[in-house]
Amino acid sequence: MFINNFDPVALEIFSLEIRWYSLSYIAGIVGGWILGKNIFVTNVRLKEKFDDYMTYLIIGIIIGGRLGYVFFYNPSYYSNNIIDILKIWNGGMSFHGGLIGVIVASIFFAKKNDLNIFSCLDIVSLVAPIGIFFGRLANFINSELYGTQTSVFWAVKFVKVDNIYRHPTQLYEAFFEGLILFLILIYFRRKKLLSMPGLISGLFLIFYSIFRIVIEIFRVPDEQLGYLFFQITMGQTISFIFLIIGFYLVITKYETKKNY
């Protein structure tokens, strides 16, 4: 068993605090940028425009992630404290909101540059697990998104929360939604699925959603929401919707391939 008493502040320079959560975003974006541009992008025009594409993605992640948290997880609070929506430094980002933001940003970018939207999203899907991995590690350091009580030998006591040993669900997500998902998508990439735009994106949605739905069984739901119904959380509900979208993408893209 492990005791978590990490300081969420990585560095402090005079009065400036640099937090692990901020560093996780930087690591995920830079890592995705490098791998995406130098390894995964095969389309010459997309490679030329990839730096511009990253700017669109960063904006989409920040705006989408924040608004996703506001509308999905705490609408009652922010409806009465609208100015607090802008206070991103106080925390509160949603992965699914960020995902929607990325999709919207990619649509604008692809239309502006006459590129296939799914070719763009497939690259994002390949590198997204890197950001998820670092983000969940930061959640662990911050003692947030923790799990339910357990007696397993790898249980963690988050002393900033209470004295109960809990499932380290942040590490579960870092492992499955980050590392394992990345390896799964790399495997399918080697099967030349990038030549069928949309399949990688569909597989990302399927496997991420499955991992998220299962892991949330062991995670404490958001305090302000609790369980929605039948012990189902908001994260599981949204993940189920994206799971259906993922299956739809894979089936339609596979059928299109057969017809050709």
C-alpha atoms as a PDB file:
ATOM      1  CA  MET A   1       0.000   0.000   0.000  1.00  0.00           C
ATOM      2  CA  PHE A   2       1.137   3.538  -0.796  1.00  0.00           C
ATOM      3  CA  ILE A   3       0.579   6.935   0.804  1.00  0.00           C
ATOM      4  CA  ASN A   4       0.075   9.816  -1.613  1.00  0.00           C
ATOM      5  CA  ASN A   5       1.173  13.145  -0.220  1.00  0.00           C
ATOM      6  CA  PHE A   6       2.547  14.751  -3.372  1.00  0.00           C
ATOM      7  CA  ASP A   7       2.735  18.514  -3.730  1.00  0.00           C
ATOM      8  CA  PRO A   8       0.707  19.571  -6.814  1.00  0.00           C
ATOM      9  CA  VAL A   9       3.216  22.393  -7.364  1.00  0.00           C
ATOM     10  CA  ALA A  10       6.208  21.155  -9.365  1.00  0.00           C
ATOM     11  CA  LEU A  11       8.236  24.377  -9.256  1.00  0.00           C
ATOM     12  CA  GLU A  12       7.914  27.731  -7.580  1.00  0.00           C
ATOM     13  CA  ILE A  13       9.860  30.642  -8.980  1.00  0.00           C
ATOM     14  CA  PHE A  14       9.406  33.685  -6.760  1.00  0.00           C
ATOM     15  CA  SER A  15       5.588  33.966  -6.619  1.00  0.00           C
ATOM     16  CA  LEU A  16       5.017  31.960  -9.797  1.00  0.00           C
ATOM     17  CA  GLU A  17       3.774  28.400  -9.275  1.00  0.00           C
ATOM     18  CA  ILE A  18       4.255  25.814 -12.004  1.00  0.00           C
ATOM     19  CA  ARG A  19       1.933  22.886 -11.344  1.00  0.00           C
ATOM     20  CA  TRP A  20       2.248  19.285 -12.441  1.00  0.00           C
ATOM     21  CA  TYR A  21      -1.130  19.563 -14.156  1.00  0.00           C
ATOM     22  CA  SER A  22       0.146  22.367 -16.399  1.00  0.00           C
ATOM     23  CA  LEU A  23       3.297  20.396 -17.160  1.00  0.00           C
ATOM     24  CA  SER A  24       1.195  17.366 -18.099  1.00  0.00           C
ATOM     25  CA  TYR A  25      -0.653  19.414 -20.721  1.00  0.00           C
ATOM     26  CA  ILE A  26       2.633  20.726 -22.084  1.00  0.00           C
ATOM     27  CA  ALA A  27       4.165  17.226 -22.180  1.00  0.00           C
ATOM     28  CA  GLY A  28       1.113  15.767 -23.914  1.00  0.00           C
ATOM     29  CA  ILE A  29       0.916  18.523 -26.513  1.00  0.00           C
ATOM     30  CA  VAL A  30       4.657  18.585 -27.258  1.00  0.00           C
ATOM     31  CA  GLY A  31       4.874  14.788 -27.360  1.00  0.00           C
ATOM     32  CA  GLY A  32       1.882  14.549 -29.677  1.00  0.00           C
ATOM     33  CA  TRP A  33       3.254  17.345 -31.836  1.00  0.00           C
ATOM     34  CA  ILE A  34       6.628  15.651 -32.312  1.00  0.00           C
ATOM     35  CA  LEU A  35       5.286  12.143 -32.928  1.00  0.00           C
ATOM     36  CA  GLY A  36       2.432  13.311 -35.099  1.00  0.00           C
ATOM     37  CA  LYS A  37       4.488  15.480 -37.409  1.00  0.00           C
ATOM     38  CA  ASN A  38       7.613  13.336 -37.667  1.00  0.00           C
ATOM     39  CA  ILE A  39       6.224   9.793 -37.572  1.00  0.00           C
ATOM     40  CA  PHE A  40       2.481   9.462 -38.095  1.00  0.00           C
ATOM     41  CA  VAL A  41       1.661  12.067 -40.756  1.00  0.00           C
ATOM     42  CA  THR A  42       2.103  10.664 -44.248  1.00  0.00           C
ATOM     43  CA  ASN A  43       0.010  13.205 -46.143  1.00  0.00           C
ATOM     44  CA  VAL A  44       2.423  15.806 -47.521  1.00  0.00           C
ATOM     45  CA  ARG A  45      -0.059  18.684 -47.360  1.00  0.00           C
ATOM     46  CA  LEU A  46      -1.053  17.834 -43.796  1.00  0.00           C
ATOM     47  CA  LYS A  47       2.623  17.649 -42.771  1.00  0.00           C
ATOM     48  CA  GLU A  48       3.189  21.131 -44.203  1.00  0.00           C
ATOM     49  CA  LYS A  49       0.198  22.476 -42.269  1.00  0.00           C
ATOM     50  CA  PHE A  50       0.677  20.439 -39.103  1.00  0.00           C
ATOM     51  CA  ASP A  51       2.076  23.296 -37.011  1.00  0.00           C
ATOM     52  CA  ASP A  52      -1.017  25.356 -37.838  1.00  0.00           C
ATOM     53  CA  TYR A  53      -3.198  22.337 -37.063  1.00  0.00           C
ATOM     54  CA  MET A  54      -1.660  22.067 -33.597  1.00  0.00           C
ATOM     55  CA  THR A  55      -2.701  25.647 -32.873  1.00  0.00           C
ATOM     56  CA  TYR A  56      -6.301  24.749 -33.750  1.00  0.00           C
ATOM     57  CA  LEU A  57      -6.087  21.650 -31.555  1.00  0.00           C
ATOM     58  CA  ILE A  58      -4.709  23.507 -28.531  1.00  0.00           C
ATOM     59  CA  ILE A  59      -7.538  26.038 -28.738  1.00  0.00           C
ATOM     60  CA  GLY A  60     -10.071  23.239 -29.163  1.00  0.00           C
ATOM     61  CA  ILE A  61      -8.711  21.298 -26.189  1.00  0.00           C
ATOM     62  CA  ILE A  62      -8.746  24.297 -23.847  1.00  0.00           C
ATOM     63  CA  ILE A  63     -12.136  25.731 -24.826  1.00  0.00           C
ATOM     64  CA  GLY A  64     -13.808  22.343 -25.281  1.00  0.00           C
ATOM     65  CA  GLY A  65     -12.337  20.879 -22.116  1.00  0.00           C
ATOM     66  CA  ARG A  66     -13.447  23.832 -20.031  1.00  0.00           C
ATOM     67  CA  LEU A  67     -16.948  24.143 -21.479  1.00  0.00           C
ATOM     68  CA  GLY A  68     -17.361  20.372 -21.245  1.00  0.00           C
ATOM     69  CA  TYR A  69     -16.688  20.526 -17.521  1.00  0.00           C
ATOM     70  CA  VAL A  70     -19.021  23.498 -17.105  1.00  0.00           C
ATOM     71  CA  PHE A  71     -21.966  21.927 -18.944  1.00  0.00           C
ATOM     72  CA  PHE A  72     -21.452  18.238 -18.163  1.00  0.00           C
ATOM     73  CA  TYR A  73     -20.224  18.292 -14.583  1.00  0.00           C
ATOM     74  CA  ASN A  74     -21.122  21.543 -12.815  1.00  0.00           C
ATOM     75  CA  PRO A  75     -23.766  23.559 -14.695  1.00  0.00           C
ATOM     76  CA  SER A  76     -25.616  24.679 -11.568  1.00  0.00           C
ATOM     77  CA  TYR A  77     -22.537  26.335 -10.077  1.00  0.00           C
ATOM     78  CA  TYR A  78     -21.360  28.067 -13.234  1.00  0.00           C
ATOM     79  CA  SER A  79     -24.836  29.297 -14.147  1.00  0.00           C
ATOM     80  CA  ASN A  80     -24.627  31.412 -10.996  1.00  0.00           C
ATOM     81  CA  ASN A  81     -20.906  32.197 -11.296  1.00  0.00           C
ATOM     82  CA  ILE A  82     -20.425  32.841 -14.992  1.00  0.00           C
ATOM     83  CA  ILE A  83     -17.158  34.750 -14.601  1.00  0.00           C
ATOM     84  CA  ASP A  84     -15.609  31.673 -12.954  1.00  0.00           C
ATOM     85  CA  ILE A  85     -15.835  29.855 -16.291  1.00  0.00           C
ATOM     86  CA  LEU A  86     -12.764  31.839 -17.325  1.00  0.00           C
ATOM     87  CA  LYS A  87     -10.782  30.807 -14.235  1.00  0.00           C
ATOM     88  CA  ILE A  88      -9.206  27.715 -15.762  1.00  0.00           C
ATOM     89  CA  TRP A  89      -6.325  27.918 -13.282  1.00  0.00           C
ATOM     90  CA  ASN A  90      -8.749  26.856 -10.540  1.00  0.00           C
ATOM     91  CA  GLY A  91      -9.196  23.464 -12.234  1.00  0.00           C
ATOM     92  CA  GLY A  92     -12.098  21.823 -13.987  1.00  0.00           C
ATOM     93  CA  MET A  93     -11.519  20.255 -17.408  1.00  0.00           C
ATOM     94  CA  SER A  94     -13.442  17.479 -19.130  1.00  0.00           C
ATOM     95  CA  PHE A  95     -11.781  14.952 -21.433  1.00  0.00           C
ATOM     96  CA  HIS A  96     -14.975  14.469 -23.436  1.00  0.00           C
ATOM     97  CA  GLY A  97     -15.385  18.222 -23.739  1.00  0.00           C
ATOM     98  CA  GLY A  98     -11.809  18.461 -24.989  1.00  0.00           C
ATOM     99  CA  LEU A  99     -12.566  15.680 -27.461  1.00  0.00           C
ATOM    100  CA  ILE A 100     -15.550  17.594 -28.817  1.00  0.00           C
ATOM    101  CA  GLY A 101     -13.378  20.705 -29.016  1.00  0.00           C
ATOM    102  CA  VAL A 102     -10.759  18.784 -31.012  1.00  0.00           C
ATOM    103  CA  ILE A 103     -13.409  17.487 -33.427  1.00  0.00           C
ATOM    104  CA  VAL A 104     -14.833  20.976 -34.010  1.00  0.00           C
ATOM    105  CA  ALA A 105     -11.358  22.491 -34.440  1.00  0.00           C
ATOM    106  CA  SER A 106     -10.410  19.711 -36.878  1.00  0.00           C
ATOM    107  CA  ILE A 107     -13.526  20.317 -38.964  1.00  0.00           C
ATOM    108  CA  PHE A 108     -12.656  24.017 -39.298  1.00  0.00           C
ATOM    109  CA  PHE A 109      -9.019  23.239 -40.098  1.00  0.00           C
ATOM    110  CA  ALA A 110      -9.815  20.515 -42.639  1.00  0.00           C
ATOM    111  CA  LYS A 111     -12.367  22.650 -44.480  1.00  0.00           C
ATOM    112  CA  LYS A 112     -10.053  25.648 -44.556  1.00  0.00           C
ATOM    113  CA  ASN A 113      -7.185  23.595 -46.008  1.00  0.00           C
ATOM    114  CA  ASP A 114      -9.235  21.210 -48.158  1.00  0.00           C
ATOM    115  CA  LEU A 115      -8.133  18.119 -46.203  1.00  0.00           C
ATOM    116  CA  ASN A 116     -10.001  14.966 -45.227  1.00  0.00           C
ATOM    117  CA  ILE A 117     -11.369  15.511 -41.717  1.00  0.00           C
ATOM    118  CA  PHE A 118     -10.816  11.882 -40.745  1.00  0.00           C
ATOM    119  CA  SER A 119      -7.217  11.913 -41.950  1.00  0.00           C
ATOM    120  CA  CYS A 120      -6.643  14.720 -39.453  1.00  0.00           C
ATOM    121  CA  LEU A 121      -8.569  13.047 -36.638  1.00  0.00           C
ATOM    122  CA  ASP A 122      -6.775   9.732 -37.161  1.00  0.00           C
ATOM    123  CA  ILE A 123      -3.455  11.425 -36.404  1.00  0.00           C
ATOM    124  CA  VAL A 124      -4.914  13.048 -33.293  1.00  0.00           C
ATOM    125  CA  SER A 125      -6.269   9.672 -32.185  1.00  0.00           C
ATOM    126  CA  LEU A 126      -2.815   8.114 -32.462  1.00  0.00           C
ATOM    127  CA  VAL A 127      -1.157  10.731 -30.254  1.00  0.00           C
ATOM    128  CA  ALA A 128      -4.030  11.468 -27.838  1.00  0.00           C
ATOM    129  CA  PRO A 129      -3.092   8.588 -25.477  1.00  0.00           C
ATOM    130  CA  ILE A 130       0.185  10.404 -24.767  1.00  0.00           C
ATOM    131  CA  GLY A 131      -1.714  13.370 -23.377  1.00  0.00           C
ATOM    132  CA  ILE A 132      -4.108  11.107 -21.489  1.00  0.00           C
ATOM    133  CA  PHE A 133      -1.177   9.288 -19.882  1.00  0.00           C
ATOM    134  CA  PHE A 134       0.475  12.454 -18.573  1.00  0.00           C
ATOM    135  CA  GLY A 135      -2.860  13.995 -17.606  1.00  0.00           C
ATOM    136  CA  ARG A 136      -3.868  11.041 -15.436  1.00  0.00           C
ATOM    137  CA  LEU A 137      -0.469  11.020 -13.742  1.00  0.00           C
ATOM    138  CA  ALA A 138      -1.075  14.665 -12.872  1.00  0.00           C
ATOM    139  CA  ASN A 139      -4.516  13.739 -11.504  1.00  0.00           C
ATOM    140  CA  PHE A 140      -2.785  11.189  -9.276  1.00  0.00           C
ATOM    141  CA  ILE A 141      -0.285  13.747  -7.998  1.00  0.00           C
ATOM    142  CA  ASN A 142      -3.146  16.190  -7.350  1.00  0.00           C
ATOM    143  CA  SER A 143      -5.119  13.547  -5.394  1.00  0.00           C
ATOM    144  CA  GLU A 144      -8.171  13.989  -7.641  1.00  0.00           C
ATOM    145  CA  LEU A 145     -10.404  11.560  -9.543  1.00  0.00           C
ATOM    146  CA  TYR A 146      -9.537   8.932  -6.926  1.00  0.00           C
ATOM    147  CA  GLY A 147     -11.189   5.556  -6.500  1.00  0.00           C
ATOM    148  CA  THR A 148     -13.432   3.827  -4.010  1.00  0.00           C
ATOM    149  CA  GLN A 149     -12.232   2.156  -0.829  1.00  0.00           C
ATOM    150  CA  THR A 150     -10.333  -1.112  -1.254  1.00  0.00           C
ATOM    151  CA  SER A 151      -7.955  -3.466   0.533  1.00  0.00           C
ATOM    152  CA  VAL A 152      -5.906  -4.570  -2.495  1.00  0.00           C
ATOM    153  CA  PHE A 153      -2.159  -4.452  -1.872  1.00  0.00           C
ATOM    154  CA  TRP A 154      -1.661  -1.639  -4.402  1.00  0.00           C
ATOM    155  CA  ALA A 155      -4.226   0.607  -2.696  1.00  0.00           C
ATOM    156  CA  VAL A 156      -3.315   4.244  -2.113  1.00  0.00           C
ATOM    157  CA  LYS A 157      -4.127   6.565   0.764  1.00  0.00           C
ATOM    158  CA  PHE A 158      -4.667  10.107  -0.483  1.00  0.00           C
ATOM    159  CA  VAL A 159      -3.892  11.979   2.711  1.00  0.00           C
ATOM    160  CA  LYS A 160      -5.163  15.258   1.262  1.00  0.00           C
ATOM    161  CA  VAL A 161      -8.573  13.565   0.960  1.00  0.00           C
ATOM    162  CA  ASP A 162      -8.930  11.242   3.983  1.00  0.00           C
ATOM    163  CA  ASN A 163      -7.313   8.248   5.679  1.00  0.00           C
ATOM    164  CA  ILE A 164      -9.010   5.606   3.534  1.00  0.00           C
ATOM    165  CA  TYR A 165      -7.057   3.331   1.194  1.00  0.00           C
ATOM    166  CA  ARG A 166      -8.509   3.607  -2.289  1.00  0.00           C
ATOM    167  CA  HIS A 167      -8.187   2.337  -5.844  1.00  0.00           C
ATOM    168  CA  PRO A 168      -5.652   4.541  -7.685  1.00  0.00           C
ATOM    169  CA  THR A 169      -8.025   4.917 -10.616  1.00  0.00           C
ATOM    170  CA  GLN A 170      -5.891   7.701 -12.075  1.00  0.00           C
ATOM    171  CA  LEU A 171      -3.096   5.149 -12.583  1.00  0.00           C
ATOM    172  CA  TYR A 172      -5.547   2.619 -14.013  1.00  0.00           C
ATOM    173  CA  GLU A 173      -6.573   5.210 -16.580  1.00  0.00           C
ATOM    174  CA  ALA A 174      -2.982   6.235 -17.315  1.00  0.00           C
ATOM    175  CA  PHE A 175      -2.127   2.591 -17.984  1.00  0.00           C
ATOM    176  CA  PHE A 176      -5.155   1.521 -20.018  1.00  0.00           C
ATOM    177  CA  GLU A 177      -6.325   4.758 -21.668  1.00  0.00           C
ATOM    178  CA  GLY A 178      -2.744   5.923 -22.152  1.00  0.00           C
ATOM    179  CA  LEU A 179      -0.177   3.169 -22.611  1.00  0.00           C
ATOM    180  CA  ILE A 180      -2.364   0.223 -23.653  1.00  0.00           C
ATOM    181  CA  LEU A 181      -4.567   2.297 -25.959  1.00  0.00           C
ATOM    182  CA  PHE A 182      -1.459   3.741 -27.624  1.00  0.00           C
ATOM    183  CA  LEU A 183      -0.065   0.254 -28.280  1.00  0.00           C
ATOM    184  CA  ILE A 184      -3.426  -0.963 -29.634  1.00  0.00           C
ATOM    185  CA  LEU A 185      -3.652   1.910 -32.096  1.00  0.00           C
ATOM    186  CA  ILE A 186      -0.024   1.475 -33.173  1.00  0.00           C
ATOM    187  CA  TYR A 187      -0.793  -2.193 -33.888  1.00  0.00           C
ATOM    188  CA  PHE A 188      -3.736  -1.274 -36.103  1.00  0.00           C
ATOM    189  CA  ARG A 189      -1.721   1.477 -37.779  1.00  0.00           C
ATOM    190  CA  ARG A 190       0.745  -1.171 -38.903  1.00  0.00           C
ATOM    191  CA  LYS A 191      -2.201  -2.918 -40.537  1.00  0.00           C
ATOM    192  CA  LYS A 192      -2.294   0.081 -42.912  1.00  0.00           C
ATOM    193  CA  LEU A 193      -5.591   1.387 -41.527  1.00  0.00           C
ATOM    194  CA  LEU A 194      -4.427   4.968 -42.086  1.00  0.00           C
ATOM    195  CA  SER A 195      -5.229   4.350 -45.752  1.00  0.00           C
ATOM    196  CA  MET A 196      -8.888   4.126 -44.679  1.00  0.00           C
ATOM    197  CA  PRO A 197      -9.502   7.495 -42.967  1.00  0.00           C
ATOM    198  CA  GLY A 198     -11.822   7.218 -39.981  1.00  0.00           C
ATOM    199  CA  LEU A 199     -11.061   3.663 -38.863  1.00  0.00           C
ATOM    200  CA  ILE A 200      -8.332   4.686 -36.421  1.00  0.00           C
ATOM    201  CA  SER A 201     -10.619   7.386 -35.011  1.00  0.00           C
ATOM    202  CA  GLY A 202     -13.397   4.834 -34.564  1.00  0.00           C
ATOM    203  CA  LEU A 203     -11.080   2.367 -32.841  1.00  0.00           C
ATOM    204  CA  PHE A 204      -9.846   5.109 -30.522  1.00  0.00           C
ATOM    205  CA  LEU A 205     -13.408   5.923 -29.465  1.00  0.00           C
ATOM    206  CA  ILE A 206     -14.254   2.259 -28.946  1.00  0.00           C
ATOM    207  CA  PHE A 207     -11.284   1.266 -26.815  1.00  0.00           C
ATOM    208  CA  TYR A 208     -11.087   4.514 -24.860  1.00  0.00           C
ATOM    209  CA  SER A 209     -14.797   4.325 -24.042  1.00  0.00           C
ATOM    210  CA  ILE A 210     -14.597   0.694 -22.942  1.00  0.00           C
ATOM    211  CA  PHE A 211     -11.627   1.379 -20.672  1.00  0.00           C
ATOM    212  CA  ARG A 212     -13.275   4.498 -19.219  1.00  0.00           C
ATOM    213  CA  ILE A 213     -16.624   2.789 -18.577  1.00  0.00           C
ATOM    214  CA  VAL A 214     -14.984  -0.133 -16.769  1.00  0.00           C
ATOM    215  CA  ILE A 215     -12.508   1.911 -14.719  1.00  0.00           C
ATOM    216  CA  GLU A 216     -15.214   4.307 -13.534  1.00  0.00           C
ATOM    217  CA  ILE A 217     -16.794   1.369 -11.721  1.00  0.00           C
ATOM    218  CA  PHE A 218     -13.923   1.748  -9.242  1.00  0.00           C
ATOM    219  CA  ARG A 219     -13.895   5.557  -9.210  1.00  0.00           C
ATOM    220  CA  VAL A 220     -15.706   7.881  -6.839  1.00  0.00           C
ATOM    221  CA  PRO A 221     -18.209   9.941  -8.869  1.00  0.00           C
ATOM    222  CA  ASP A 222     -17.953  13.707  -8.978  1.00  0.00           C
ATOM    223  CA  GLU A 223     -19.172  15.044  -5.653  1.00  0.00           C
ATOM    224  CA  GLN A 224     -21.530  17.629  -7.137  1.00  0.00           C
ATOM    225  CA  LEU A 225     -23.189  15.035  -9.406  1.00  0.00           C
ATOM    226  CA  GLY A 226     -22.934  11.640  -7.746  1.00  0.00           C
ATOM    227  CA  TYR A 227     -24.431   8.762  -9.699  1.00  0.00           C
ATOM    228  CA  LEU A 228     -26.964   9.667 -12.357  1.00  0.00           C
ATOM    229  CA  PHE A 229     -28.965   6.428 -12.234  1.00  0.00           C
ATOM    230  CA  PHE A 230     -28.328   2.728 -11.470  1.00  0.00           C
ATOM    231  CA  GLN A 231     -24.795   3.541 -10.233  1.00  0.00           C
ATOM    232  CA  ILE A 232     -23.969   5.050 -13.624  1.00  0.00           C
ATOM    233  CA  THR A 233     -21.745   8.148 -13.713  1.00  0.00           C
ATOM    234  CA  MET A 234     -21.736  11.070 -16.109  1.00  0.00           C
ATOM    235  CA  GLY A 235     -18.374   9.905 -17.489  1.00  0.00           C
ATOM    236  CA  GLN A 236     -19.790   6.456 -18.250  1.00  0.00           C
ATOM    237  CA  THR A 237     -22.867   7.938 -19.886  1.00  0.00           C
ATOM    238  CA  ILE A 238     -20.877  10.188 -22.222  1.00  0.00           C
ATOM    239  CA  SER A 239     -18.401   7.369 -22.908  1.00  0.00           C
ATOM    240  CA  PHE A 240     -21.265   5.104 -23.970  1.00  0.00           C
ATOM    241  CA  ILE A 241     -22.398   7.698 -26.505  1.00  0.00           C
ATOM    242  CA  PHE A 242     -18.889   7.915 -27.952  1.00  0.00           C
ATOM    243  CA  LEU A 243     -18.666   4.113 -27.931  1.00  0.00           C
ATOM    244  CA  ILE A 244     -21.707   3.964 -30.239  1.00  0.00           C
ATOM    245  CA  ILE A 245     -20.168   6.631 -32.472  1.00  0.00           C
ATOM    246  CA  GLY A 246     -16.938   4.622 -32.592  1.00  0.00           C
ATOM    247  CA  PHE A 247     -18.727   1.439 -33.652  1.00  0.00           C
ATOM    248  CA  TYR A 248     -20.652   3.398 -36.281  1.00  0.00           C
ATOM    249  CA  LEU A 249     -17.415   4.798 -37.714  1.00  0.00           C
ATOM    250  CA  VAL A 250     -15.676   1.431 -37.831  1.00  0.00           C
ATOM    251  CA  ILE A 251     -18.654  -0.345 -39.407  1.00  0.00           C
ATOM    252  CA  THR A 252     -19.298   2.330 -42.040  1.00  0.00           C
ATOM    253  CA  LYS A 253     -15.627   2.700 -42.954  1.00  0.00           C
ATOM    254  CA  TYR A 254     -15.194  -1.071 -43.166  1.00  0.00           C
ATOM    255  CA  GLU A 255     -18.270  -1.386 -45.386  1.00  0.00           C
ATOM    256  CA  THR A 256     -16.929   1.380 -47.610  1.00  0.00           C
ATOM    257  CA  LYS A 257     -13.642  -0.509 -47.943  1.00  0.00           C
ATOM    258  CA  LYS A 258     -15.427  -3.717 -48.962  1.00  0.00           C
ATOM    259  CA  ASN A 259     -17.409  -1.913 -51.645  1.00  0.00           C
ATOM    260  CA  TYR A 260     -14.168  -0.733 -53.191  1.00  0.00           C
END
